[in-house]
C-alpha atoms as a PDB file:
ATOM      1  CA  UNK A   1     -19.076   6.781   6.920  1.00  0.00           C
ATOM      2  CA  UNK A   2     -20.313   3.185   7.534  1.00  0.00           C
ATOM      3  CA  UNK A   3     -18.080   1.447  10.065  1.00  0.00           C
ATOM      4  CA  UNK A   4     -16.582  -1.243   7.818  1.00  0.00           C
ATOM      5  CA  UNK A   5     -15.924   1.313   5.081  1.00  0.00           C
ATOM      6  CA  UNK A   6     -13.261   2.786   7.359  1.00  0.00           C
ATOM      7  CA  UNK A   7     -11.069  -0.322   6.922  1.00  0.00           C
ATOM      8  CA  UNK A   8      -9.370  -2.282   4.177  1.00  0.00           C
ATOM      9  CA  UNK A   9      -8.554  -5.992   4.278  1.00  0.00           C
ATOM     10  CA  UNK A  10      -5.348  -7.507   2.950  1.00  0.00           C
ATOM     11  CA  UNK A  11      -3.956 -11.037   2.715  1.00  0.00           C
ATOM     12  CA  UNK A  12      -0.535 -12.092   3.950  1.00  0.00           C
ATOM     13  CA  UNK A  13       2.046 -13.268   1.424  1.00  0.00           C
ATOM     14  CA  UNK A  14       1.456 -16.995   0.819  1.00  0.00           C
ATOM     15  CA  UNK A  15       4.715 -18.065   2.469  1.00  0.00           C
ATOM     16  CA  UNK A  16       3.774 -16.468   5.771  1.00  0.00           C
ATOM     17  CA  UNK A  17       0.112 -17.436   5.566  1.00  0.00           C
ATOM     18  CA  UNK A  18       1.227 -21.064   5.165  1.00  0.00           C
ATOM     19  CA  UNK A  19       3.680 -20.776   8.075  1.00  0.00           C
ATOM     20  CA  UNK A  20       0.915 -19.310  10.218  1.00  0.00           C
ATOM     21  CA  UNK A  21      -1.404 -22.179   9.314  1.00  0.00           C
ATOM     22  CA  UNK A  22       1.208 -24.733  10.391  1.00  0.00           C
ATOM     23  CA  UNK A  23       1.709 -22.896  13.686  1.00  0.00           C
ATOM     24  CA  UNK A  24      -2.061 -22.771  14.297  1.00  0.00           C
ATOM     25  CA  UNK A  25      -2.445 -26.492  13.626  1.00  0.00           C
ATOM     26  CA  UNK A  26       0.296 -27.191  16.174  1.00  0.00           C
ATOM     27  CA  UNK A  27      -0.698 -24.848  18.997  1.00  0.00           C
ATOM     28  CA  UNK A  28      -4.373 -24.090  18.350  1.00  0.00           C
ATOM     29  CA  UNK A  29      -5.987 -27.061  16.553  1.00  0.00           C
ATOM     30  CA  UNK A  30      -9.348 -26.218  18.156  1.00  0.00           C
ATOM     31  CA  UNK A  31      -9.717 -23.047  16.070  1.00  0.00           C
ATOM     32  CA  UNK A  32     -12.338 -24.540  13.669  1.00  0.00           C
ATOM     33  CA  UNK A  33     -14.737 -24.785  16.644  1.00  0.00           C
ATOM     34  CA  UNK A  34     -14.873 -20.990  16.756  1.00  0.00           C
ATOM     35  CA  UNK A  35     -15.613 -20.706  13.033  1.00  0.00           C
ATOM     36  CA  UNK A  36     -18.435 -23.244  13.181  1.00  0.00           C
ATOM     37  CA  UNK A  37     -21.447 -21.031  12.413  1.00  0.00           C
ATOM     38  CA  UNK A  38     -23.977 -22.766  14.733  1.00  0.00           C
ATOM     39  CA  UNK A  39     -21.415 -22.763  17.563  1.00  0.00           C
ATOM     40  CA  UNK A  40     -20.653 -19.086  17.093  1.00  0.00           C
ATOM     41  CA  UNK A  41     -24.281 -17.986  16.843  1.00  0.00           C
ATOM     42  CA  UNK A  42     -25.180 -19.915  19.982  1.00  0.00           C
ATOM     43  CA  UNK A  43     -22.596 -18.024  22.040  1.00  0.00           C
ATOM     44  CA  UNK A  44     -22.544 -14.657  20.218  1.00  0.00           C
ATOM     45  CA  UNK A  45     -25.820 -14.285  18.299  1.00  0.00           C
ATOM     46  CA  UNK A  46     -25.438 -10.507  17.914  1.00  0.00           C
ATOM     47  CA  UNK A  47     -21.744 -10.464  16.986  1.00  0.00           C
ATOM     48  CA  UNK A  48     -20.161 -11.118  13.569  1.00  0.00           C
ATOM     49  CA  UNK A  49     -17.566 -13.886  13.394  1.00  0.00           C
ATOM     50  CA  UNK A  50     -13.923 -12.854  13.750  1.00  0.00           C
ATOM     51  CA  UNK A  51     -11.942 -12.139  10.596  1.00  0.00           C
ATOM     52  CA  UNK A  52      -8.564 -13.792  10.062  1.00  0.00           C
ATOM     53  CA  UNK A  53      -7.063 -11.115   7.849  1.00  0.00           C
ATOM     54  CA  UNK A  54      -4.773  -8.127   7.978  1.00  0.00           C
ATOM     55  CA  UNK A  55      -7.137  -5.222   8.674  1.00  0.00           C
ATOM     56  CA  UNK A  56      -5.870  -1.669   8.238  1.00  0.00           C
ATOM     57  CA  UNK A  57      -7.767   1.522   8.961  1.00  0.00           C
ATOM     58  CA  UNK A  58      -8.132   3.639   5.853  1.00  0.00           C
ATOM     59  CA  UNK A  59      -6.350   6.980   6.225  1.00  0.00           C
ATOM     60  CA  UNK A  60      -9.610   8.944   6.101  1.00  0.00           C
ATOM     61  CA  UNK A  61     -11.110   6.751   8.832  1.00  0.00           C
ATOM     62  CA  UNK A  62      -8.082   6.699  11.124  1.00  0.00           C
ATOM     63  CA  UNK A  63      -8.532  10.126  12.707  1.00  0.00           C
ATOM     64  CA  UNK A  64     -11.866   9.259  14.317  1.00  0.00           C
ATOM     65  CA  UNK A  65     -10.256   6.421  16.244  1.00  0.00           C
ATOM     66  CA  UNK A  66      -7.000   8.237  16.964  1.00  0.00           C
ATOM     67  CA  UNK A  67      -8.857  11.101  18.665  1.00  0.00           C
ATOM     68  CA  UNK A  68     -10.126   8.667  21.325  1.00  0.00           C
ATOM     69  CA  UNK A  69      -6.785   7.278  22.481  1.00  0.00           C
ATOM     70  CA  UNK A  70      -4.774   8.169  25.541  1.00  0.00           C
ATOM     71  CA  UNK A  71      -2.544  11.196  25.004  1.00  0.00           C
ATOM     72  CA  UNK A  72      -4.296  12.167  21.770  1.00  0.00           C
ATOM     73  CA  UNK A  73      -3.493  15.545  20.264  1.00  0.00           C
ATOM     74  CA  UNK A  74      -4.410  17.074  16.929  1.00  0.00           C
ATOM     75  CA  UNK A  75      -1.271  15.455  15.511  1.00  0.00           C
ATOM     76  CA  UNK A  76      -2.329  11.935  16.510  1.00  0.00           C
ATOM     77  CA  UNK A  77      -4.953  11.687  13.793  1.00  0.00           C
ATOM     78  CA  UNK A  78      -2.816  13.510  11.231  1.00  0.00           C
ATOM     79  CA  UNK A  79      -0.935  11.048   9.019  1.00  0.00           C
ATOM     80  CA  UNK A  80       0.873  13.683   6.966  1.00  0.00           C
ATOM     81  CA  UNK A  81       4.286  13.245   8.561  1.00  0.00           C
ATOM     82  CA  UNK A  82       4.259   9.450   9.011  1.00  0.00           C
ATOM     83  CA  UNK A  83       6.721   7.233   7.160  1.00  0.00           C
ATOM     84  CA  UNK A  84       5.079   4.664   4.864  1.00  0.00           C
ATOM     85  CA  UNK A  85       7.971   2.427   3.879  1.00  0.00           C
ATOM     86  CA  UNK A  86      10.564   0.958   6.206  1.00  0.00           C
ATOM     87  CA  UNK A  87      13.489   2.030   4.038  1.00  0.00           C
ATOM     88  CA  UNK A  88      12.681   5.655   4.899  1.00  0.00           C
ATOM     89  CA  UNK A  89      13.531   5.019   8.559  1.00  0.00           C
ATOM     90  CA  UNK A  90      17.100   5.718   9.701  1.00  0.00           C
ATOM     91  CA  UNK A  91      18.813   2.744  11.335  1.00  0.00           C
ATOM     92  CA  UNK A  92      17.978   3.691  14.933  1.00  0.00           C
ATOM     93  CA  UNK A  93      14.300   4.284  14.145  1.00  0.00           C
ATOM     94  CA  UNK A  94      14.134   1.086  12.089  1.00  0.00           C
ATOM     95  CA  UNK A  95      15.548  -1.083  14.876  1.00  0.00           C
ATOM     96  CA  UNK A  96      13.279   0.507  17.490  1.00  0.00           C
ATOM     97  CA  UNK A  97      10.223  -0.073  15.313  1.00  0.00           C
ATOM     98  CA  UNK A  98      11.299  -3.657  14.623  1.00  0.00           C
ATOM     99  CA  UNK A  99      11.731  -4.401  18.333  1.00  0.00           C
ATOM    100  CA  UNK A 100       8.245  -3.082  19.137  1.00  0.00           C
ATOM    101  CA  UNK A 101       6.589  -4.999  16.279  1.00  0.00           C
ATOM    102  CA  UNK A 102       8.505  -8.176  17.210  1.00  0.00           C
ATOM    103  CA  UNK A 103       7.426  -7.887  20.847  1.00  0.00           C
ATOM    104  CA  UNK A 104       3.784  -7.255  19.893  1.00  0.00           C
ATOM    105  CA  UNK A 105       3.735 -10.262  17.547  1.00  0.00           C
ATOM    106  CA  UNK A 106       5.366 -12.471  20.167  1.00  0.00           C
ATOM    107  CA  UNK A 107       2.778 -11.593  22.814  1.00  0.00           C
ATOM    108  CA  UNK A 108      -0.033 -12.761  20.541  1.00  0.00           C
ATOM    109  CA  UNK A 109       1.467 -16.207  19.982  1.00  0.00           C
ATOM    110  CA  UNK A 110       2.502 -16.523  23.630  1.00  0.00           C
ATOM    111  CA  UNK A 111      -1.012 -15.676  24.789  1.00  0.00           C
ATOM    112  CA  UNK A 112      -2.500 -18.522  22.736  1.00  0.00           C
ATOM    113  CA  UNK A 113       0.014 -20.963  24.186  1.00  0.00           C
ATOM    114  CA  UNK A 114      -0.927 -19.788  27.681  1.00  0.00           C
ATOM    115  CA  UNK A 115      -4.717 -19.906  27.306  1.00  0.00           C
ATOM    116  CA  UNK A 116      -4.730 -23.416  25.878  1.00  0.00           C
ATOM    117  CA  UNK A 117      -3.072 -24.614  29.118  1.00  0.00           C
ATOM    118  CA  UNK A 118      -6.409 -23.831  30.795  1.00  0.00           C
ATOM    119  CA  UNK A 119      -9.075 -24.619  28.222  1.00  0.00           C
ATOM    120  CA  UNK A 120      -7.545 -28.052  27.560  1.00  0.00           C
ATOM    121  CA  UNK A 121      -8.057 -28.888  31.243  1.00  0.00           C
ATOM    122  CA  UNK A 122     -11.549 -27.403  31.174  1.00  0.00           C
ATOM    123  CA  UNK A 123     -12.561 -29.407  28.097  1.00  0.00           C
ATOM    124  CA  UNK A 124     -11.108 -32.665  29.416  1.00  0.00           C
ATOM    125  CA  UNK A 125     -12.503 -32.306  32.950  1.00  0.00           C
ATOM    126  CA  UNK A 126      -9.012 -32.616  34.444  1.00  0.00           C
ATOM    127  CA  UNK A 127      -9.103 -29.495  36.626  1.00  0.00           C
ATOM    128  CA  UNK A 128      -7.923 -29.837  40.220  1.00  0.00           C
ATOM    129  CA  UNK A 129      -7.926 -27.824  43.443  1.00  0.00           C
ATOM    130  CA  UNK A 130      -9.837 -24.538  43.452  1.00  0.00           C
ATOM    131  CA  UNK A 131     -10.654 -24.905  39.751  1.00  0.00           C
ATOM    132  CA  UNK A 132     -12.360 -28.222  40.446  1.00  0.00           C
ATOM    133  CA  UNK A 133     -14.395 -26.607  43.228  1.00  0.00           C
ATOM    134  CA  UNK A 134     -15.380 -23.738  40.907  1.00  0.00           C
ATOM    135  CA  UNK A 135     -16.471 -26.162  38.186  1.00  0.00           C
ATOM    136  CA  UNK A 136     -18.411 -28.322  40.637  1.00  0.00           C
ATOM    137  CA  UNK A 137     -20.167 -25.199  41.914  1.00  0.00           C
ATOM    138  CA  UNK A 138     -21.061 -24.187  38.357  1.00  0.00           C
ATOM    139  CA  UNK A 139     -22.420 -27.682  37.698  1.00  0.00           C
ATOM    140  CA  UNK A 140     -24.722 -27.380  40.710  1.00  0.00           C
ATOM    141  CA  UNK A 141     -26.309 -24.224  39.291  1.00  0.00           C
ATOM    142  CA  UNK A 142     -25.968 -25.135  35.606  1.00  0.00           C
ATOM    143  CA  UNK A 143     -26.302 -28.923  35.288  1.00  0.00           C
ATOM    144  CA  UNK A 144     -26.475 -28.803  31.481  1.00  0.00           C
ATOM    145  CA  UNK A 145     -22.903 -27.464  31.318  1.00  0.00           C
ATOM    146  CA  UNK A 146     -23.770 -24.507  29.096  1.00  0.00           C
ATOM    147  CA  UNK A 147     -21.837 -22.036  31.238  1.00  0.00           C
ATOM    148  CA  UNK A 148     -18.678 -24.150  31.242  1.00  0.00           C
ATOM    149  CA  UNK A 149     -18.912 -24.544  27.486  1.00  0.00           C
ATOM    150  CA  UNK A 150     -19.306 -20.782  27.213  1.00  0.00           C
ATOM    151  CA  UNK A 151     -16.157 -20.190  29.304  1.00  0.00           C
ATOM    152  CA  UNK A 152     -14.140 -22.538  27.099  1.00  0.00           C
ATOM    153  CA  UNK A 153     -15.537 -21.030  23.897  1.00  0.00           C
ATOM    154  CA  UNK A 154     -14.754 -17.520  25.121  1.00  0.00           C
ATOM    155  CA  UNK A 155     -11.108 -18.458  25.660  1.00  0.00           C
ATOM    156  CA  UNK A 156     -10.956 -19.910  22.152  1.00  0.00           C
ATOM    157  CA  UNK A 157     -12.470 -16.736  20.720  1.00  0.00           C
ATOM    158  CA  UNK A 158      -9.736 -14.770  22.476  1.00  0.00           C
ATOM    159  CA  UNK A 159      -7.154 -17.097  20.922  1.00  0.00           C
ATOM    160  CA  UNK A 160      -8.584 -16.529  17.430  1.00  0.00           C
ATOM    161  CA  UNK A 161      -8.333 -12.781  17.917  1.00  0.00           C
ATOM    162  CA  UNK A 162      -4.797 -13.075  19.310  1.00  0.00           C
ATOM    163  CA  UNK A 163      -3.862 -15.071  16.206  1.00  0.00           C
ATOM    164  CA  UNK A 164      -5.306 -12.317  14.034  1.00  0.00           C
ATOM    165  CA  UNK A 165      -3.248  -9.783  15.980  1.00  0.00           C
ATOM    166  CA  UNK A 166      -0.151 -11.785  15.129  1.00  0.00           C
ATOM    167  CA  UNK A 167      -1.245 -11.837  11.481  1.00  0.00           C
ATOM    168  CA  UNK A 168      -1.590  -8.065  11.681  1.00  0.00           C
ATOM    169  CA  UNK A 169       1.990  -7.666  12.875  1.00  0.00           C
ATOM    170  CA  UNK A 170       3.116 -10.151  10.229  1.00  0.00           C
ATOM    171  CA  UNK A 171       1.390  -7.927   7.689  1.00  0.00           C
ATOM    172  CA  UNK A 172       3.236  -4.869   8.981  1.00  0.00           C
ATOM    173  CA  UNK A 173       6.536  -6.718   8.508  1.00  0.00           C
ATOM    174  CA  UNK A 174       5.886  -8.474   5.203  1.00  0.00           C
ATOM    175  CA  UNK A 175       3.468  -6.408   3.108  1.00  0.00           C
ATOM    176  CA  UNK A 176       6.070  -3.639   2.875  1.00  0.00           C
ATOM    177  CA  UNK A 177       8.911  -5.275   0.889  1.00  0.00           C
ATOM    178  CA  UNK A 178      11.378  -2.648   2.086  1.00  0.00           C
ATOM    179  CA  UNK A 179      11.161  -4.055   5.626  1.00  0.00           C
ATOM    180  CA  UNK A 180      13.083  -7.075   4.313  1.00  0.00           C
ATOM    181  CA  UNK A 181      15.487  -5.058   2.195  1.00  0.00           C
ATOM    182  CA  UNK A 182      19.033  -5.935   3.247  1.00  0.00           C
ATOM    183  CA  UNK A 183      20.243  -3.702   6.064  1.00  0.00           C
ATOM    184  CA  UNK A 184      23.682  -4.460   7.469  1.00  0.00           C
ATOM    185  CA  UNK A 185      23.557  -7.562   5.288  1.00  0.00           C
ATOM    186  CA  UNK A 186      20.506  -8.981   7.093  1.00  0.00           C
ATOM    187  CA  UNK A 187      16.887  -9.464   6.012  1.00  0.00           C
ATOM    188  CA  UNK A 188      15.184  -8.427   9.223  1.00  0.00           C
ATOM    189  CA  UNK A 189      11.553  -9.172   8.380  1.00  0.00           C
ATOM    190  CA  UNK A 190      12.316 -12.752   7.330  1.00  0.00           C
ATOM    191  CA  UNK A 191      14.579 -13.339  10.337  1.00  0.00           C
ATOM    192  CA  UNK A 192      11.968 -11.963  12.718  1.00  0.00           C
ATOM    193  CA  UNK A 193       9.099 -13.998  11.261  1.00  0.00           C
ATOM    194  CA  UNK A 194      11.123 -17.213  11.415  1.00  0.00           C
ATOM    195  CA  UNK A 195      12.139 -16.471  14.997  1.00  0.00           C
ATOM    196  CA  UNK A 196       8.541 -15.802  16.057  1.00  0.00           C
ATOM    197  CA  UNK A 197       7.173 -19.052  14.650  1.00  0.00           C
ATOM    198  CA  UNK A 198      10.003 -20.973  16.359  1.00  0.00           C
ATOM    199  CA  UNK A 199       9.238 -19.588  19.840  1.00  0.00           C
ATOM    200  CA  UNK A 200       7.994 -22.249  22.227  1.00  0.00           C
ATOM    201  CA  UNK A 201       6.084 -21.592  25.480  1.00  0.00           C
ATOM    202  CA  UNK A 202       8.464 -19.806  27.830  1.00  0.00           C
ATOM    203  CA  UNK A 203      10.608 -18.301  25.047  1.00  0.00           C
ATOM    204  CA  UNK A 204       8.690 -15.108  24.259  1.00  0.00           C
ATOM    205  CA  UNK A 205       9.992 -11.550  24.283  1.00  0.00           C
ATOM    206  CA  UNK A 206       8.039 -10.284  27.308  1.00  0.00           C
ATOM    207  CA  UNK A 207       8.134 -12.223  30.578  1.00  0.00           C
ATOM    208  CA  UNK A 208       4.386 -11.872  31.193  1.00  0.00           C
ATOM    209  CA  UNK A 209       3.769 -14.146  28.205  1.00  0.00           C
ATOM    210  CA  UNK A 210       6.077 -16.842  29.543  1.00  0.00           C
ATOM    211  CA  UNK A 211       4.014 -17.460  32.696  1.00  0.00           C
ATOM    212  CA  UNK A 212       2.578 -20.959  32.979  1.00  0.00           C
ATOM    213  CA  UNK A 213      -1.200 -20.831  33.441  1.00  0.00           C
ATOM    214  CA  UNK A 214      -2.244 -23.406  36.006  1.00  0.00           C
ATOM    215  CA  UNK A 215      -5.825 -22.409  36.740  1.00  0.00           C
ATOM    216  CA  UNK A 216      -8.915 -20.593  35.541  1.00  0.00           C
ATOM    217  CA  UNK A 217      -8.020 -17.786  37.913  1.00  0.00           C
ATOM    218  CA  UNK A 218      -4.594 -17.413  36.288  1.00  0.00           C
ATOM    219  CA  UNK A 219      -6.286 -16.931  32.932  1.00  0.00           C
ATOM    220  CA  UNK A 220      -8.950 -14.536  34.242  1.00  0.00           C
ATOM    221  CA  UNK A 221      -6.458 -12.465  36.243  1.00  0.00           C
ATOM    222  CA  UNK A 222      -4.103 -12.235  33.280  1.00  0.00           C
ATOM    223  CA  UNK A 223      -6.836 -10.900  31.007  1.00  0.00           C
ATOM    224  CA  UNK A 224      -8.076  -8.487  33.665  1.00  0.00           C
ATOM    225  CA  UNK A 225      -4.654  -6.911  34.168  1.00  0.00           C
ATOM    226  CA  UNK A 226      -2.310  -7.655  31.256  1.00  0.00           C
ATOM    227  CA  UNK A 227      -4.984  -7.055  28.617  1.00  0.00           C
ATOM    228  CA  UNK A 228      -5.716  -3.744  30.344  1.00  0.00           C
ATOM    229  CA  UNK A 229      -2.075  -2.831  29.796  1.00  0.00           C
ATOM    230  CA  UNK A 230      -2.455  -4.093  26.228  1.00  0.00           C
ATOM    231  CA  UNK A 231      -5.411  -1.807  25.649  1.00  0.00           C
ATOM    232  CA  UNK A 232      -3.357   1.275  26.500  1.00  0.00           C
ATOM    233  CA  UNK A 233      -0.363  -0.055  24.581  1.00  0.00           C
ATOM    234  CA  UNK A 234      -2.492  -0.333  21.439  1.00  0.00           C
ATOM    235  CA  UNK A 235      -3.793   3.181  22.034  1.00  0.00           C
ATOM    236  CA  UNK A 236      -0.278   4.574  22.333  1.00  0.00           C
ATOM    237  CA  UNK A 237       0.706   2.872  19.090  1.00  0.00           C
ATOM    238  CA  UNK A 238      -1.762   5.079  17.209  1.00  0.00           C
ATOM    239  CA  UNK A 239       1.065   7.638  17.571  1.00  0.00           C
ATOM    240  CA  UNK A 240       3.534   5.356  15.735  1.00  0.00           C
ATOM    241  CA  UNK A 241       5.791   7.095  13.206  1.00  0.00           C
ATOM    242  CA  UNK A 242       5.673   4.113  10.826  1.00  0.00           C
ATOM    243  CA  UNK A 243       2.270   4.561   9.211  1.00  0.00           C
ATOM    244  CA  UNK A 244       1.266   0.907   8.595  1.00  0.00           C
ATOM    245  CA  UNK A 245       1.755   0.158  12.296  1.00  0.00           C
ATOM    246  CA  UNK A 246      -0.456   3.081  13.305  1.00  0.00           C
ATOM    247  CA  UNK A 247      -3.168   2.013  10.839  1.00  0.00           C
ATOM    248  CA  UNK A 248      -3.094  -1.483  12.366  1.00  0.00           C
ATOM    249  CA  UNK A 249      -4.242  -0.273  15.765  1.00  0.00           C
ATOM    250  CA  UNK A 250      -7.929   0.787  15.500  1.00  0.00           C
ATOM    251  CA  UNK A 251      -9.397  -2.656  14.720  1.00  0.00           C
ATOM    252  CA  UNK A 252      -7.159  -4.347  17.301  1.00  0.00           C
ATOM    253  CA  UNK A 253      -7.928  -1.841  20.032  1.00  0.00           C
ATOM    254  CA  UNK A 254     -11.590  -1.034  19.534  1.00  0.00           C
ATOM    255  CA  UNK A 255     -13.013  -4.324  18.247  1.00  0.00           C
ATOM    256  CA  UNK A 256     -10.885  -7.026  19.844  1.00  0.00           C
ATOM    257  CA  UNK A 257      -8.801  -6.030  22.865  1.00  0.00           C
ATOM    258  CA  UNK A 258     -11.783  -4.647  24.766  1.00  0.00           C
ATOM    259  CA  UNK A 259     -13.432  -8.077  24.599  1.00  0.00           C
ATOM    260  CA  UNK A 260     -10.343  -9.746  26.060  1.00  0.00           C
ATOM    261  CA  UNK A 261     -10.416  -7.383  29.009  1.00  0.00           C
ATOM    262  CA  UNK A 262     -14.139  -7.959  29.536  1.00  0.00           C
ATOM    263  CA  UNK A 263     -13.685 -11.744  29.305  1.00  0.00           C
ATOM    264  CA  UNK A 264     -11.200 -11.609  32.167  1.00  0.00           C
ATOM    265  CA  UNK A 265     -13.428  -9.449  34.339  1.00  0.00           C
ATOM    266  CA  UNK A 266     -16.541 -11.592  33.851  1.00  0.00           C
END
């Protein structure tokens, strides 16, 4: 089966697509640089542009990816016993799933807020200390500045893919209307989405995504280690009982997260 034929693309409900656009314009206004075709082809001539969509593996394509993940068994690629609507989950399972999806979505937004702390300094030439020495050393070997531009562009590519990851989690919460069906008198999907978009730097679910990035090395070290954890986390979520969450993992894990890890190491 051709690679792209193993996936289907969906759009977020307009309300949440619009909310996401407002968030992006506030915290990641540089995003259009990444989608500028000449810019992209100069840095990644062999790689297609990122897609800002909800991308689900098709059920018949899922097994091939699921067999490659950590802890895979024959059951990992078998979707027969998954639950496909949130209203089928008992309360305890529902709340556990919601907490995991909320945390995953929060990490994506927090990561963008962290990385911009560095690329803003890089773009403006306001780096200090060891970062300034690193940049001056790069200038001596690359006077045209192409390498520095490449570093900045790479961080922005990571941010685009993190934003898509958040869109993916938003899709898991909002494309299934039963996730927002009143439970204990509360509409959990709406509450969670509103909470996520209101989170400022330092207010995210996991402490690692509240760290202030002060240097290029902070950014590189974070991607080398935390994105390595993220890679295995996405692999483990192929086992997820709630089917739409499991189907969200292959594109995230195999096409995007690996680049983030490599960007930190190089």
